[in-house]
Amino acid sequence: MKSILVIGMGRFGTYLAKRLAELGNQVMIADKNEDVINRLSPYFVDALIGDCSCEEVLREIGVDNFDICFVTMGESFQPSLEVTALLKDMGAQYVVSMSGSEIQSKFLLRNGADEVIYPQMDMAYKAAVKFNADNIFDFIKLGNDYGVFEVRVPREWVGKDVVEADIRKKYDLNVLAVKKGGTSTVFMATDYVFEEGDHVIVAGPFKAVDRLRK
């Protein structure tokens, strides 16, 4: 369990904060919109109405007590940049800021952000990979050339286990899990026999998954 501060309760900030709370973390939210905070406050351990680009407001929060501070202020870039810099100046342990462009990401990193989230680019990249192929159902990017993919089990694997299919040698891929019926996930055992209709979770280079897809 972590202690987390989320500043900025737009759609992204709200989804993020609620999910973090559902995962068992202690989440405090902050926003200058009183109506928004009054509506959301019952879901969280603490909530603050205030303009966090003001140093006095952040001092009241005590930002150095949180494991992670998220800055998800989407209305304009300048307040987000100011809050990011103030958080770091006040001793915040780890600052994650939301960005709307590559140039914004660079400024945020230079002014105190330990990490930047760029939701539009991340989702666009994921959608492009997913819909570029008929049998990629989900995708997580791990680096410039690697990722985790959910793919339909190839016909040549059906009736074989992981060793017999010789997946690592033939495709340079690691099989992590199998989805049965599109819902339940079974972590892989080497003696699991692939069945028609299985979805396989594999990790490896993009090129290897492309070879598998073809």
N, C-alpha and C. Protein backbone atom coordinates (compact mmCIF):
# COMPACT_ATOMS: atom_id res chain seq x y z
N MET A 1 0.84 -1.19 0.00
CA MET A 1 0.00 0.00 0.00
C MET A 1 0.88 1.25 0.00
N LYS A 2 0.52 2.21 -0.83
CA LYS A 2 1.28 3.45 -0.93
C LYS A 2 0.41 4.65 -0.57
N SER A 3 1.09 5.71 -0.16
CA SER A 3 0.41 6.98 0.09
C SER A 3 0.58 7.85 -1.14
N ILE A 4 -0.56 8.24 -1.74
CA ILE A 4 -0.52 8.88 -3.05
C ILE A 4 -1.35 10.16 -3.05
N LEU A 5 -0.79 11.19 -3.69
CA LEU A 5 -1.49 12.46 -3.90
C LEU A 5 -1.76 12.63 -5.38
N VAL A 6 -3.00 12.94 -5.73
CA VAL A 6 -3.36 13.21 -7.12
C VAL A 6 -3.89 14.64 -7.19
N ILE A 7 -3.20 15.48 -7.95
CA ILE A 7 -3.57 16.89 -8.10
C ILE A 7 -4.17 17.11 -9.48
N GLY A 8 -5.45 17.50 -9.53
CA GLY A 8 -6.12 17.71 -10.81
C GLY A 8 -7.13 16.61 -11.08
N MET A 9 -8.41 16.92 -10.87
CA MET A 9 -9.45 15.91 -10.99
C MET A 9 -10.25 16.03 -12.27
N GLY A 10 -9.52 16.11 -13.40
CA GLY A 10 -10.18 15.94 -14.68
C GLY A 10 -10.51 14.47 -14.88
N ARG A 11 -10.87 14.09 -16.10
CA ARG A 11 -11.25 12.69 -16.33
C ARG A 11 -10.10 11.73 -16.05
N PHE A 12 -8.91 12.07 -16.56
CA PHE A 12 -7.77 11.17 -16.35
C PHE A 12 -7.42 11.08 -14.87
N GLY A 13 -7.33 12.22 -14.20
CA GLY A 13 -6.99 12.22 -12.78
C GLY A 13 -8.00 11.47 -11.94
N THR A 14 -9.28 11.61 -12.28
CA THR A 14 -10.33 10.91 -11.54
C THR A 14 -10.23 9.41 -11.72
N TYR A 15 -10.08 8.95 -12.98
CA TYR A 15 -9.93 7.51 -13.24
C TYR A 15 -8.70 6.96 -12.52
N LEU A 16 -7.60 7.70 -12.61
CA LEU A 16 -6.36 7.27 -11.98
C LEU A 16 -6.52 7.15 -10.47
N ALA A 17 -7.05 8.19 -9.83
CA ALA A 17 -7.20 8.19 -8.39
C ALA A 17 -8.12 7.07 -7.90
N LYS A 18 -9.26 6.89 -8.60
CA LYS A 18 -10.20 5.84 -8.19
C LYS A 18 -9.58 4.46 -8.31
N ARG A 19 -8.85 4.23 -9.39
CA ARG A 19 -8.24 2.91 -9.58
C ARG A 19 -7.16 2.65 -8.53
N LEU A 20 -6.37 3.68 -8.23
CA LEU A 20 -5.33 3.53 -7.21
C LEU A 20 -5.95 3.22 -5.85
N ALA A 21 -7.07 3.86 -5.55
CA ALA A 21 -7.77 3.59 -4.29
C ALA A 21 -8.34 2.17 -4.27
N GLU A 22 -8.89 1.73 -5.40
CA GLU A 22 -9.43 0.37 -5.50
C GLU A 22 -8.34 -0.68 -5.29
N LEU A 23 -7.11 -0.33 -5.64
CA LEU A 23 -5.99 -1.26 -5.48
C LEU A 23 -5.44 -1.26 -4.07
N GLY A 24 -6.06 -0.50 -3.18
CA GLY A 24 -5.70 -0.54 -1.77
C GLY A 24 -4.76 0.54 -1.30
N ASN A 25 -4.52 1.54 -2.12
CA ASN A 25 -3.64 2.62 -1.72
C ASN A 25 -4.40 3.72 -0.98
N GLN A 26 -3.69 4.49 -0.17
CA GLN A 26 -4.27 5.65 0.51
C GLN A 26 -4.11 6.85 -0.40
N VAL A 27 -5.21 7.34 -0.93
CA VAL A 27 -5.17 8.37 -1.97
C VAL A 27 -5.82 9.65 -1.45
N MET A 28 -5.07 10.75 -1.61
CA MET A 28 -5.62 12.08 -1.35
C MET A 28 -5.75 12.80 -2.68
N ILE A 29 -6.87 13.51 -2.87
CA ILE A 29 -7.08 14.25 -4.11
C ILE A 29 -7.10 15.75 -3.82
N ALA A 30 -6.76 16.54 -4.83
CA ALA A 30 -6.78 18.00 -4.69
C ALA A 30 -7.18 18.63 -6.02
N ASP A 31 -8.02 19.65 -5.92
CA ASP A 31 -8.46 20.39 -7.10
C ASP A 31 -9.05 21.72 -6.63
N LYS A 32 -8.99 22.73 -7.48
CA LYS A 32 -9.55 24.03 -7.09
C LYS A 32 -11.05 24.12 -7.31
N ASN A 33 -11.63 23.13 -7.97
CA ASN A 33 -13.06 23.13 -8.24
C ASN A 33 -13.80 22.50 -7.05
N GLU A 34 -14.52 23.30 -6.31
CA GLU A 34 -15.20 22.83 -5.11
C GLU A 34 -16.24 21.77 -5.41
N ASP A 35 -17.02 21.95 -6.48
CA ASP A 35 -18.05 20.97 -6.81
C ASP A 35 -17.45 19.60 -7.10
N VAL A 36 -16.34 19.59 -7.81
CA VAL A 36 -15.67 18.32 -8.15
C VAL A 36 -15.19 17.62 -6.89
N ILE A 37 -14.54 18.35 -6.00
CA ILE A 37 -14.03 17.75 -4.77
C ILE A 37 -15.16 17.25 -3.89
N ASN A 38 -16.23 18.01 -3.77
CA ASN A 38 -17.37 17.57 -2.96
C ASN A 38 -18.00 16.29 -3.51
N ARG A 39 -17.99 16.17 -4.82
CA ARG A 39 -18.56 14.96 -5.44
C ARG A 39 -17.66 13.74 -5.26
N LEU A 40 -16.34 13.95 -5.29
CA LEU A 40 -15.41 12.82 -5.28
C LEU A 40 -14.88 12.46 -3.89
N SER A 41 -14.94 13.38 -2.96
CA SER A 41 -14.29 13.17 -1.66
C SER A 41 -14.71 11.89 -0.93
N PRO A 42 -15.96 11.42 -1.05
CA PRO A 42 -16.31 10.19 -0.32
C PRO A 42 -15.51 8.96 -0.74
N TYR A 43 -14.90 9.00 -1.91
CA TYR A 43 -14.16 7.84 -2.41
C TYR A 43 -12.72 7.76 -1.88
N PHE A 44 -12.25 8.82 -1.19
CA PHE A 44 -10.84 8.89 -0.85
C PHE A 44 -10.62 9.20 0.63
N VAL A 45 -9.39 8.93 1.09
CA VAL A 45 -9.10 9.14 2.51
C VAL A 45 -9.04 10.61 2.87
N ASP A 46 -8.70 11.46 1.89
CA ASP A 46 -8.63 12.89 2.15
C ASP A 46 -8.80 13.65 0.85
N ALA A 47 -9.25 14.89 0.95
CA ALA A 47 -9.46 15.72 -0.24
C ALA A 47 -9.27 17.18 0.14
N LEU A 48 -8.77 17.96 -0.82
CA LEU A 48 -8.50 19.37 -0.56
C LEU A 48 -9.01 20.23 -1.71
N ILE A 49 -9.70 21.30 -1.36
CA ILE A 49 -10.10 22.30 -2.35
C ILE A 49 -9.07 23.42 -2.31
N GLY A 50 -8.41 23.66 -3.44
CA GLY A 50 -7.40 24.71 -3.46
C GLY A 50 -6.61 24.73 -4.74
N ASP A 51 -5.99 25.86 -5.01
CA ASP A 51 -5.15 26.03 -6.19
C ASP A 51 -3.73 25.58 -5.84
N CYS A 52 -3.35 24.42 -6.31
CA CYS A 52 -2.05 23.84 -5.93
C CYS A 52 -0.87 24.50 -6.62
N SER A 53 -1.12 25.46 -7.50
CA SER A 53 -0.01 26.24 -8.05
C SER A 53 0.45 27.31 -7.06
N CYS A 54 -0.29 27.44 -5.95
CA CYS A 54 0.10 28.34 -4.86
C CYS A 54 0.93 27.57 -3.85
N GLU A 55 2.07 28.10 -3.50
CA GLU A 55 2.98 27.42 -2.59
C GLU A 55 2.35 27.13 -1.23
N GLU A 56 1.52 28.06 -0.75
CA GLU A 56 0.90 27.89 0.56
C GLU A 56 -0.02 26.66 0.60
N VAL A 57 -0.72 26.42 -0.49
CA VAL A 57 -1.64 25.28 -0.55
C VAL A 57 -0.86 23.97 -0.47
N LEU A 58 0.25 23.88 -1.22
CA LEU A 58 1.04 22.66 -1.20
C LEU A 58 1.69 22.43 0.16
N ARG A 59 2.09 23.52 0.83
CA ARG A 59 2.68 23.37 2.16
C ARG A 59 1.65 22.81 3.14
N GLU A 60 0.40 23.22 2.96
CA GLU A 60 -0.68 22.71 3.82
C GLU A 60 -0.86 21.20 3.65
N ILE A 61 -0.64 20.73 2.43
CA ILE A 61 -0.81 19.29 2.16
C ILE A 61 0.30 18.47 2.79
N GLY A 62 1.53 19.00 2.77
CA GLY A 62 2.68 18.22 3.25
C GLY A 62 3.10 17.19 2.22
N VAL A 63 3.54 17.65 1.06
CA VAL A 63 3.77 16.76 -0.08
C VAL A 63 4.90 15.76 0.14
N ASP A 64 5.81 16.04 1.07
CA ASP A 64 6.92 15.11 1.31
C ASP A 64 6.48 13.84 2.04
N ASN A 65 5.24 13.79 2.47
CA ASN A 65 4.72 12.61 3.17
C ASN A 65 4.18 11.54 2.22
N PHE A 66 4.09 11.87 0.93
CA PHE A 66 3.51 10.93 -0.04
C PHE A 66 4.60 10.16 -0.78
N ASP A 67 4.30 8.90 -1.08
CA ASP A 67 5.23 8.08 -1.87
C ASP A 67 5.29 8.57 -3.31
N ILE A 68 4.12 8.94 -3.86
CA ILE A 68 4.03 9.42 -5.24
C ILE A 68 3.07 10.60 -5.29
N CYS A 69 3.45 11.64 -6.02
CA CYS A 69 2.57 12.77 -6.30
C CYS A 69 2.29 12.81 -7.79
N PHE A 70 1.03 12.70 -8.17
CA PHE A 70 0.64 12.79 -9.58
C PHE A 70 0.12 14.20 -9.87
N VAL A 71 0.57 14.77 -10.98
CA VAL A 71 0.07 16.06 -11.44
C VAL A 71 -0.72 15.80 -12.72
N THR A 72 -2.04 15.88 -12.62
CA THR A 72 -2.91 15.54 -13.77
C THR A 72 -3.82 16.72 -14.09
N MET A 73 -3.23 17.88 -14.16
CA MET A 73 -3.98 19.12 -14.45
C MET A 73 -3.99 19.32 -15.96
N GLY A 74 -5.13 19.07 -16.58
CA GLY A 74 -5.18 19.09 -18.03
C GLY A 74 -5.64 20.39 -18.65
N GLU A 75 -6.11 21.36 -17.83
CA GLU A 75 -6.73 22.55 -18.40
C GLU A 75 -5.73 23.47 -19.10
N SER A 76 -4.50 23.56 -18.57
CA SER A 76 -3.46 24.36 -19.21
C SER A 76 -2.11 23.89 -18.72
N PHE A 77 -1.08 24.14 -19.51
CA PHE A 77 0.22 23.58 -19.21
C PHE A 77 0.96 24.35 -18.12
N GLN A 78 0.82 25.67 -18.09
CA GLN A 78 1.60 26.48 -17.16
C GLN A 78 1.38 26.08 -15.70
N PRO A 79 0.13 25.95 -15.22
CA PRO A 79 -0.07 25.51 -13.84
C PRO A 79 0.54 24.14 -13.56
N SER A 80 0.44 23.24 -14.53
CA SER A 80 1.01 21.90 -14.36
C SER A 80 2.52 21.96 -14.17
N LEU A 81 3.16 22.81 -14.97
CA LEU A 81 4.61 22.99 -14.87
C LEU A 81 4.98 23.59 -13.52
N GLU A 82 4.22 24.59 -13.09
CA GLU A 82 4.49 25.25 -11.81
C GLU A 82 4.33 24.28 -10.63
N VAL A 83 3.26 23.51 -10.66
CA VAL A 83 3.01 22.56 -9.57
C VAL A 83 4.10 21.49 -9.54
N THR A 84 4.50 21.02 -10.70
CA THR A 84 5.57 20.01 -10.77
C THR A 84 6.85 20.53 -10.13
N ALA A 85 7.24 21.76 -10.48
CA ALA A 85 8.46 22.35 -9.93
C ALA A 85 8.35 22.57 -8.42
N LEU A 86 7.19 23.06 -7.98
CA LEU A 86 6.99 23.31 -6.55
C LEU A 86 7.04 22.01 -5.74
N LEU A 87 6.43 20.96 -6.26
CA LEU A 87 6.45 19.68 -5.57
C LEU A 87 7.87 19.21 -5.31
N LYS A 88 8.70 19.31 -6.35
CA LYS A 88 10.08 18.84 -6.20
C LYS A 88 10.86 19.73 -5.25
N ASP A 89 10.62 21.04 -5.33
CA ASP A 89 11.30 21.98 -4.43
C ASP A 89 10.93 21.73 -2.96
N MET A 90 9.70 21.22 -2.75
CA MET A 90 9.23 21.00 -1.38
C MET A 90 9.55 19.59 -0.87
N GLY A 91 10.29 18.84 -1.63
CA GLY A 91 10.75 17.54 -1.15
C GLY A 91 9.88 16.36 -1.50
N ALA A 92 9.01 16.50 -2.49
CA ALA A 92 8.20 15.35 -2.92
C ALA A 92 9.12 14.20 -3.34
N GLN A 93 8.78 12.99 -2.91
CA GLN A 93 9.66 11.85 -3.15
C GLN A 93 9.70 11.45 -4.63
N TYR A 94 8.54 11.41 -5.27
CA TYR A 94 8.48 10.99 -6.68
C TYR A 94 7.31 11.71 -7.34
N VAL A 95 7.59 12.43 -8.42
CA VAL A 95 6.57 13.23 -9.09
C VAL A 95 6.31 12.68 -10.48
N VAL A 96 5.05 12.39 -10.76
CA VAL A 96 4.63 11.91 -12.08
C VAL A 96 3.66 12.94 -12.65
N SER A 97 4.00 13.52 -13.80
CA SER A 97 3.19 14.60 -14.38
C SER A 97 2.60 14.18 -15.72
N MET A 98 1.35 14.61 -15.95
CA MET A 98 0.68 14.33 -17.22
C MET A 98 1.07 15.38 -18.25
N SER A 99 1.34 14.91 -19.46
CA SER A 99 1.76 15.79 -20.54
C SER A 99 0.77 15.72 -21.70
N GLY A 100 0.74 16.80 -22.49
CA GLY A 100 -0.12 16.83 -23.66
C GLY A 100 0.64 16.84 -24.97
N SER A 101 1.98 16.87 -24.89
CA SER A 101 2.80 16.88 -26.11
C SER A 101 4.23 16.51 -25.75
N GLU A 102 5.03 16.24 -26.76
CA GLU A 102 6.42 15.87 -26.52
C GLU A 102 7.21 17.04 -25.94
N ILE A 103 6.94 18.25 -26.41
CA ILE A 103 7.67 19.41 -25.89
C ILE A 103 7.30 19.66 -24.43
N GLN A 104 6.03 19.45 -24.08
CA GLN A 104 5.62 19.58 -22.68
C GLN A 104 6.34 18.54 -21.82
N SER A 105 6.48 17.34 -22.34
CA SER A 105 7.16 16.29 -21.60
C SER A 105 8.59 16.70 -21.27
N LYS A 106 9.27 17.30 -22.23
CA LYS A 106 10.66 17.73 -22.02
C LYS A 106 10.74 18.80 -20.93
N PHE A 107 9.82 19.78 -20.97
CA PHE A 107 9.82 20.83 -19.97
C PHE A 107 9.52 20.28 -18.57
N LEU A 108 8.57 19.35 -18.49
CA LEU A 108 8.21 18.77 -17.20
C LEU A 108 9.38 18.00 -16.59
N LEU A 109 10.07 17.24 -17.41
CA LEU A 109 11.23 16.48 -16.92
C LEU A 109 12.36 17.41 -16.47
N ARG A 110 12.52 18.51 -17.17
CA ARG A 110 13.57 19.46 -16.80
C ARG A 110 13.22 20.24 -15.54
N ASN A 111 11.94 20.29 -15.20
CA ASN A 111 11.51 21.12 -14.07
C ASN A 111 10.99 20.31 -12.88
N GLY A 112 11.46 19.08 -12.76
CA GLY A 112 11.18 18.35 -11.53
C GLY A 112 10.45 17.04 -11.66
N ALA A 113 9.80 16.77 -12.78
CA ALA A 113 9.07 15.50 -12.92
C ALA A 113 10.06 14.34 -12.98
N ASP A 114 9.81 13.31 -12.18
CA ASP A 114 10.62 12.10 -12.26
C ASP A 114 10.17 11.23 -13.42
N GLU A 115 8.90 11.37 -13.78
CA GLU A 115 8.33 10.57 -14.86
C GLU A 115 7.18 11.34 -15.48
N VAL A 116 6.95 11.13 -16.77
CA VAL A 116 5.88 11.83 -17.49
C VAL A 116 4.93 10.80 -18.11
N ILE A 117 3.64 11.07 -17.98
CA ILE A 117 2.60 10.27 -18.64
C ILE A 117 2.05 11.09 -19.79
N TYR A 118 2.02 10.49 -20.98
CA TYR A 118 1.51 11.17 -22.17
C TYR A 118 0.35 10.30 -22.70
N PRO A 119 -0.86 10.42 -22.12
CA PRO A 119 -1.95 9.48 -22.41
C PRO A 119 -2.33 9.39 -23.87
N GLN A 120 -2.42 10.53 -24.56
CA GLN A 120 -2.85 10.50 -25.95
C GLN A 120 -1.89 9.71 -26.83
N MET A 121 -0.59 9.93 -26.64
CA MET A 121 0.40 9.22 -27.44
C MET A 121 0.41 7.74 -27.10
N ASP A 122 0.34 7.42 -25.81
CA ASP A 122 0.36 6.02 -25.39
C ASP A 122 -0.83 5.25 -25.96
N MET A 123 -2.02 5.86 -25.88
CA MET A 123 -3.21 5.17 -26.38
C MET A 123 -3.21 5.08 -27.90
N ALA A 124 -2.71 6.12 -28.57
CA ALA A 124 -2.63 6.08 -30.03
C ALA A 124 -1.68 4.99 -30.50
N TYR A 125 -0.55 4.86 -29.81
CA TYR A 125 0.43 3.83 -30.16
C TYR A 125 -0.17 2.44 -29.96
N LYS A 126 -0.83 2.27 -28.82
CA LYS A 126 -1.44 0.97 -28.51
C LYS A 126 -2.52 0.62 -29.53
N ALA A 127 -3.35 1.59 -29.88
CA ALA A 127 -4.42 1.35 -30.84
C ALA A 127 -3.86 1.01 -32.22
N ALA A 128 -2.79 1.69 -32.61
CA ALA A 128 -2.18 1.44 -33.92
C ALA A 128 -1.66 0.01 -34.01
N VAL A 129 -0.97 -0.45 -32.95
CA VAL A 129 -0.45 -1.81 -32.94
C VAL A 129 -1.58 -2.83 -32.94
N LYS A 130 -2.59 -2.59 -32.10
CA LYS A 130 -3.70 -3.53 -31.98
C LYS A 130 -4.48 -3.67 -33.27
N PHE A 131 -4.85 -2.56 -33.89
CA PHE A 131 -5.73 -2.62 -35.06
C PHE A 131 -4.97 -2.79 -36.37
N ASN A 132 -3.65 -2.79 -36.31
CA ASN A 132 -2.85 -3.08 -37.49
C ASN A 132 -2.93 -4.56 -37.86
N ALA A 133 -3.27 -5.40 -36.87
CA ALA A 133 -3.31 -6.84 -37.11
C ALA A 133 -4.65 -7.39 -36.63
N ASP A 134 -5.08 -8.49 -37.28
CA ASP A 134 -6.37 -9.07 -36.95
C ASP A 134 -6.35 -9.86 -35.64
N ASN A 135 -5.19 -10.39 -35.25
CA ASN A 135 -5.17 -11.31 -34.11
C ASN A 135 -4.35 -10.79 -32.92
N ILE A 136 -4.12 -9.47 -32.83
CA ILE A 136 -3.55 -8.89 -31.62
C ILE A 136 -4.69 -8.23 -30.84
N PHE A 137 -4.94 -8.74 -29.63
CA PHE A 137 -6.10 -8.30 -28.86
C PHE A 137 -5.75 -7.26 -27.81
N ASP A 138 -4.50 -7.26 -27.35
CA ASP A 138 -4.06 -6.26 -26.40
C ASP A 138 -2.55 -6.15 -26.49
N PHE A 139 -2.03 -5.05 -25.94
CA PHE A 139 -0.61 -4.76 -26.13
C PHE A 139 -0.12 -3.80 -25.05
N ILE A 140 1.06 -4.08 -24.49
CA ILE A 140 1.72 -3.18 -23.55
C ILE A 140 3.14 -2.95 -24.05
N LYS A 141 3.49 -1.70 -24.27
CA LYS A 141 4.83 -1.37 -24.74
C LYS A 141 5.80 -1.39 -23.58
N LEU A 142 6.93 -2.11 -23.74
CA LEU A 142 7.95 -2.19 -22.71
C LEU A 142 9.19 -1.38 -23.08
N GLY A 143 9.33 -1.01 -24.31
CA GLY A 143 10.48 -0.25 -24.78
C GLY A 143 10.30 0.06 -26.25
N ASN A 144 11.33 0.56 -26.89
CA ASN A 144 11.20 0.90 -28.30
C ASN A 144 10.96 -0.31 -29.18
N ASP A 145 11.46 -1.48 -28.78
CA ASP A 145 11.39 -2.66 -29.64
C ASP A 145 10.71 -3.86 -29.00
N TYR A 146 10.26 -3.72 -27.75
CA TYR A 146 9.72 -4.87 -27.03
C TYR A 146 8.34 -4.56 -26.46
N GLY A 147 7.57 -5.62 -26.22
CA GLY A 147 6.26 -5.45 -25.63
C GLY A 147 5.68 -6.76 -25.14
N VAL A 148 4.50 -6.66 -24.52
CA VAL A 148 3.73 -7.83 -24.11
C VAL A 148 2.45 -7.82 -24.95
N PHE A 149 2.14 -8.95 -25.57
CA PHE A 149 1.05 -9.03 -26.53
C PHE A 149 0.07 -10.14 -26.16
N GLU A 150 -1.21 -9.89 -26.40
CA GLU A 150 -2.22 -10.94 -26.33
C GLU A 150 -2.59 -11.31 -27.76
N VAL A 151 -2.30 -12.56 -28.16
CA VAL A 151 -2.53 -13.00 -29.53
C VAL A 151 -3.33 -14.30 -29.53
N ARG A 152 -3.97 -14.58 -30.65
CA ARG A 152 -4.66 -15.86 -30.81
C ARG A 152 -3.62 -16.96 -30.96
N VAL A 153 -3.85 -18.11 -30.31
CA VAL A 153 -2.89 -19.20 -30.38
C VAL A 153 -2.74 -19.65 -31.84
N PRO A 154 -1.52 -19.74 -32.35
CA PRO A 154 -1.31 -20.20 -33.73
C PRO A 154 -1.78 -21.65 -33.90
N ARG A 155 -2.25 -21.97 -35.06
CA ARG A 155 -2.80 -23.30 -35.32
C ARG A 155 -1.77 -24.40 -35.08
N GLU A 156 -0.49 -24.10 -35.39
CA GLU A 156 0.54 -25.12 -35.26
C GLU A 156 0.87 -25.44 -33.80
N TRP A 157 0.43 -24.59 -32.86
CA TRP A 157 0.68 -24.86 -31.44
C TRP A 157 -0.42 -25.74 -30.83
N VAL A 158 -1.59 -25.78 -31.43
CA VAL A 158 -2.73 -26.50 -30.86
C VAL A 158 -2.37 -27.98 -30.70
N GLY A 159 -2.62 -28.52 -29.49
CA GLY A 159 -2.30 -29.91 -29.20
C GLY A 159 -0.89 -30.13 -28.70
N LYS A 160 -0.11 -29.05 -28.60
CA LYS A 160 1.28 -29.15 -28.11
C LYS A 160 1.42 -28.37 -26.80
N ASP A 161 2.42 -28.76 -26.00
CA ASP A 161 2.73 -27.96 -24.83
C ASP A 161 3.85 -26.98 -25.20
N VAL A 162 4.28 -26.19 -24.22
CA VAL A 162 5.25 -25.13 -24.49
C VAL A 162 6.56 -25.70 -25.01
N VAL A 163 7.00 -26.84 -24.45
CA VAL A 163 8.26 -27.45 -24.86
C VAL A 163 8.16 -27.99 -26.28
N GLU A 164 7.07 -28.69 -26.58
CA GLU A 164 6.89 -29.26 -27.91
C GLU A 164 6.79 -28.19 -28.99
N ALA A 165 6.12 -27.08 -28.67
CA ALA A 165 5.97 -25.99 -29.65
C ALA A 165 7.30 -25.27 -29.89
N ASP A 166 8.25 -25.42 -28.94
CA ASP A 166 9.61 -24.84 -29.08
C ASP A 166 9.54 -23.34 -29.39
N ILE A 167 8.71 -22.64 -28.62
CA ILE A 167 8.36 -21.25 -28.92
C ILE A 167 9.55 -20.31 -28.79
N ARG A 168 10.31 -20.48 -27.73
CA ARG A 168 11.43 -19.55 -27.50
C ARG A 168 12.48 -19.65 -28.61
N LYS A 169 12.78 -20.87 -29.04
CA LYS A 169 13.80 -21.06 -30.07
C LYS A 169 13.30 -20.62 -31.45
N LYS A 170 12.06 -20.97 -31.77
CA LYS A 170 11.53 -20.68 -33.11
C LYS A 170 11.13 -19.22 -33.29
N TYR A 171 10.61 -18.60 -32.21
CA TYR A 171 10.02 -17.27 -32.36
C TYR A 171 10.67 -16.19 -31.51
N ASP A 172 11.61 -16.58 -30.63
CA ASP A 172 12.26 -15.61 -29.73
C ASP A 172 11.22 -14.92 -28.85
N LEU A 173 10.26 -15.71 -28.35
CA LEU A 173 9.19 -15.18 -27.50
C LEU A 173 9.08 -15.99 -26.21
N ASN A 174 8.67 -15.33 -25.14
CA ASN A 174 8.38 -16.00 -23.87
C ASN A 174 6.87 -16.01 -23.66
N VAL A 175 6.31 -17.19 -23.41
CA VAL A 175 4.88 -17.30 -23.14
C VAL A 175 4.65 -17.10 -21.64
N LEU A 176 3.81 -16.10 -21.29
CA LEU A 176 3.58 -15.76 -19.89
C LEU A 176 2.30 -16.37 -19.33
N ALA A 177 1.25 -16.40 -20.16
CA ALA A 177 -0.04 -16.87 -19.66
C ALA A 177 -0.95 -17.20 -20.84
N VAL A 178 -2.07 -17.81 -20.52
CA VAL A 178 -3.07 -18.16 -21.53
C VAL A 178 -4.43 -17.69 -21.02
N LYS A 179 -5.21 -17.07 -21.89
CA LYS A 179 -6.58 -16.68 -21.57
C LYS A 179 -7.53 -17.74 -22.10
N LYS A 180 -8.40 -18.23 -21.23
CA LYS A 180 -9.40 -19.21 -21.61
C LYS A 180 -10.74 -18.52 -21.78
N GLY A 181 -11.35 -18.68 -22.91
CA GLY A 181 -12.67 -18.09 -23.13
C GLY A 181 -12.65 -16.58 -23.14
N GLY A 182 -11.48 -15.98 -23.35
CA GLY A 182 -11.37 -14.53 -23.44
C GLY A 182 -11.41 -13.81 -22.11
N THR A 183 -11.52 -14.57 -20.99
CA THR A 183 -11.63 -13.89 -19.70
C THR A 183 -10.59 -14.35 -18.69
N SER A 184 -10.68 -15.61 -18.23
CA SER A 184 -9.79 -16.06 -17.16
C SER A 184 -8.38 -16.29 -17.67
N THR A 185 -7.40 -15.86 -16.88
CA THR A 185 -6.00 -15.98 -17.25
C THR A 185 -5.35 -17.10 -16.45
N VAL A 186 -4.66 -17.99 -17.13
CA VAL A 186 -3.94 -19.09 -16.50
C VAL A 186 -2.45 -18.88 -16.72
N PHE A 187 -1.68 -18.75 -15.64
CA PHE A 187 -0.24 -18.60 -15.79
C PHE A 187 0.36 -19.91 -16.28
N MET A 188 1.35 -19.77 -17.14
CA MET A 188 1.82 -20.91 -17.90
C MET A 188 2.59 -21.93 -17.08
N ALA A 189 2.30 -23.21 -17.34
CA ALA A 189 3.12 -24.33 -16.90
C ALA A 189 3.65 -24.99 -18.17
N THR A 190 4.84 -25.54 -18.09
CA THR A 190 5.47 -26.09 -19.30
C THR A 190 4.68 -27.26 -19.89
N ASP A 191 3.84 -27.92 -19.07
CA ASP A 191 3.07 -29.06 -19.58
C ASP A 191 1.67 -28.67 -20.04
N TYR A 192 1.37 -27.35 -20.07
CA TYR A 192 0.05 -26.93 -20.55
C TYR A 192 -0.07 -27.19 -22.05
N VAL A 193 -1.15 -27.80 -22.46
CA VAL A 193 -1.38 -28.11 -23.88
C VAL A 193 -2.31 -27.06 -24.48
N PHE A 194 -1.84 -26.39 -25.51
CA PHE A 194 -2.63 -25.33 -26.13
C PHE A 194 -3.87 -25.90 -26.80
N GLU A 195 -4.96 -25.12 -26.71
CA GLU A 195 -6.23 -25.53 -27.29
C GLU A 195 -6.71 -24.48 -28.30
N GLU A 196 -7.51 -24.92 -29.23
CA GLU A 196 -8.11 -24.01 -30.21
C GLU A 196 -8.92 -22.94 -29.47
N GLY A 197 -8.72 -21.68 -29.84
CA GLY A 197 -9.45 -20.58 -29.22
C GLY A 197 -8.72 -19.92 -28.07
N ASP A 198 -7.61 -20.50 -27.65
CA ASP A 198 -6.82 -19.87 -26.59
C ASP A 198 -6.26 -18.53 -27.06
N HIS A 199 -6.16 -17.59 -26.12
CA HIS A 199 -5.41 -16.36 -26.34
C HIS A 199 -4.13 -16.46 -25.52
N VAL A 200 -3.00 -16.23 -26.14
CA VAL A 200 -1.71 -16.41 -25.49
C VAL A 200 -1.09 -15.05 -25.19
N ILE A 201 -0.58 -14.88 -23.97
CA ILE A 201 0.13 -13.67 -23.59
C ILE A 201 1.62 -13.93 -23.77
N VAL A 202 2.24 -13.23 -24.71
CA VAL A 202 3.65 -13.44 -25.00
C VAL A 202 4.42 -12.13 -24.84
N ALA A 203 5.71 -12.26 -24.51
CA ALA A 203 6.58 -11.10 -24.38
C ALA A 203 7.78 -11.28 -25.30
N GLY A 204 8.14 -10.20 -25.98
CA GLY A 204 9.29 -10.29 -26.87
C GLY A 204 9.36 -9.12 -27.83
N PRO A 205 10.27 -9.19 -28.80
CA PRO A 205 10.43 -8.11 -29.78
C PRO A 205 9.22 -7.98 -30.70
N PHE A 206 8.95 -6.76 -31.16
CA PHE A 206 7.87 -6.53 -32.11
C PHE A 206 8.02 -7.42 -33.35
N LYS A 207 9.26 -7.55 -33.83
CA LYS A 207 9.50 -8.32 -35.06
C LYS A 207 9.12 -9.77 -34.87
N ALA A 208 9.38 -10.31 -33.67
CA ALA A 208 9.04 -11.71 -33.41
C ALA A 208 7.54 -11.92 -33.42
N VAL A 209 6.80 -10.99 -32.82
CA VAL A 209 5.34 -11.10 -32.81
C VAL A 209 4.80 -10.94 -34.23
N ASP A 210 5.41 -10.10 -35.03
CA ASP A 210 4.97 -9.94 -36.41
C ASP A 210 5.17 -11.22 -37.20
N ARG A 211 6.28 -11.91 -36.95
CA ARG A 211 6.51 -13.20 -37.62
C ARG A 211 5.47 -14.22 -37.18
N LEU A 212 5.15 -14.21 -35.89
CA LEU A 212 4.15 -15.13 -35.37
C LEU A 212 2.79 -14.85 -35.98
N ARG A 213 2.45 -13.56 -36.10
CA ARG A 213 1.16 -13.16 -36.64
C ARG A 213 0.99 -13.61 -38.08
N LYS A 214 2.08 -13.59 -38.83
CA LYS A 214 2.03 -13.94 -40.26
C LYS A 214 2.07 -15.45 -40.48
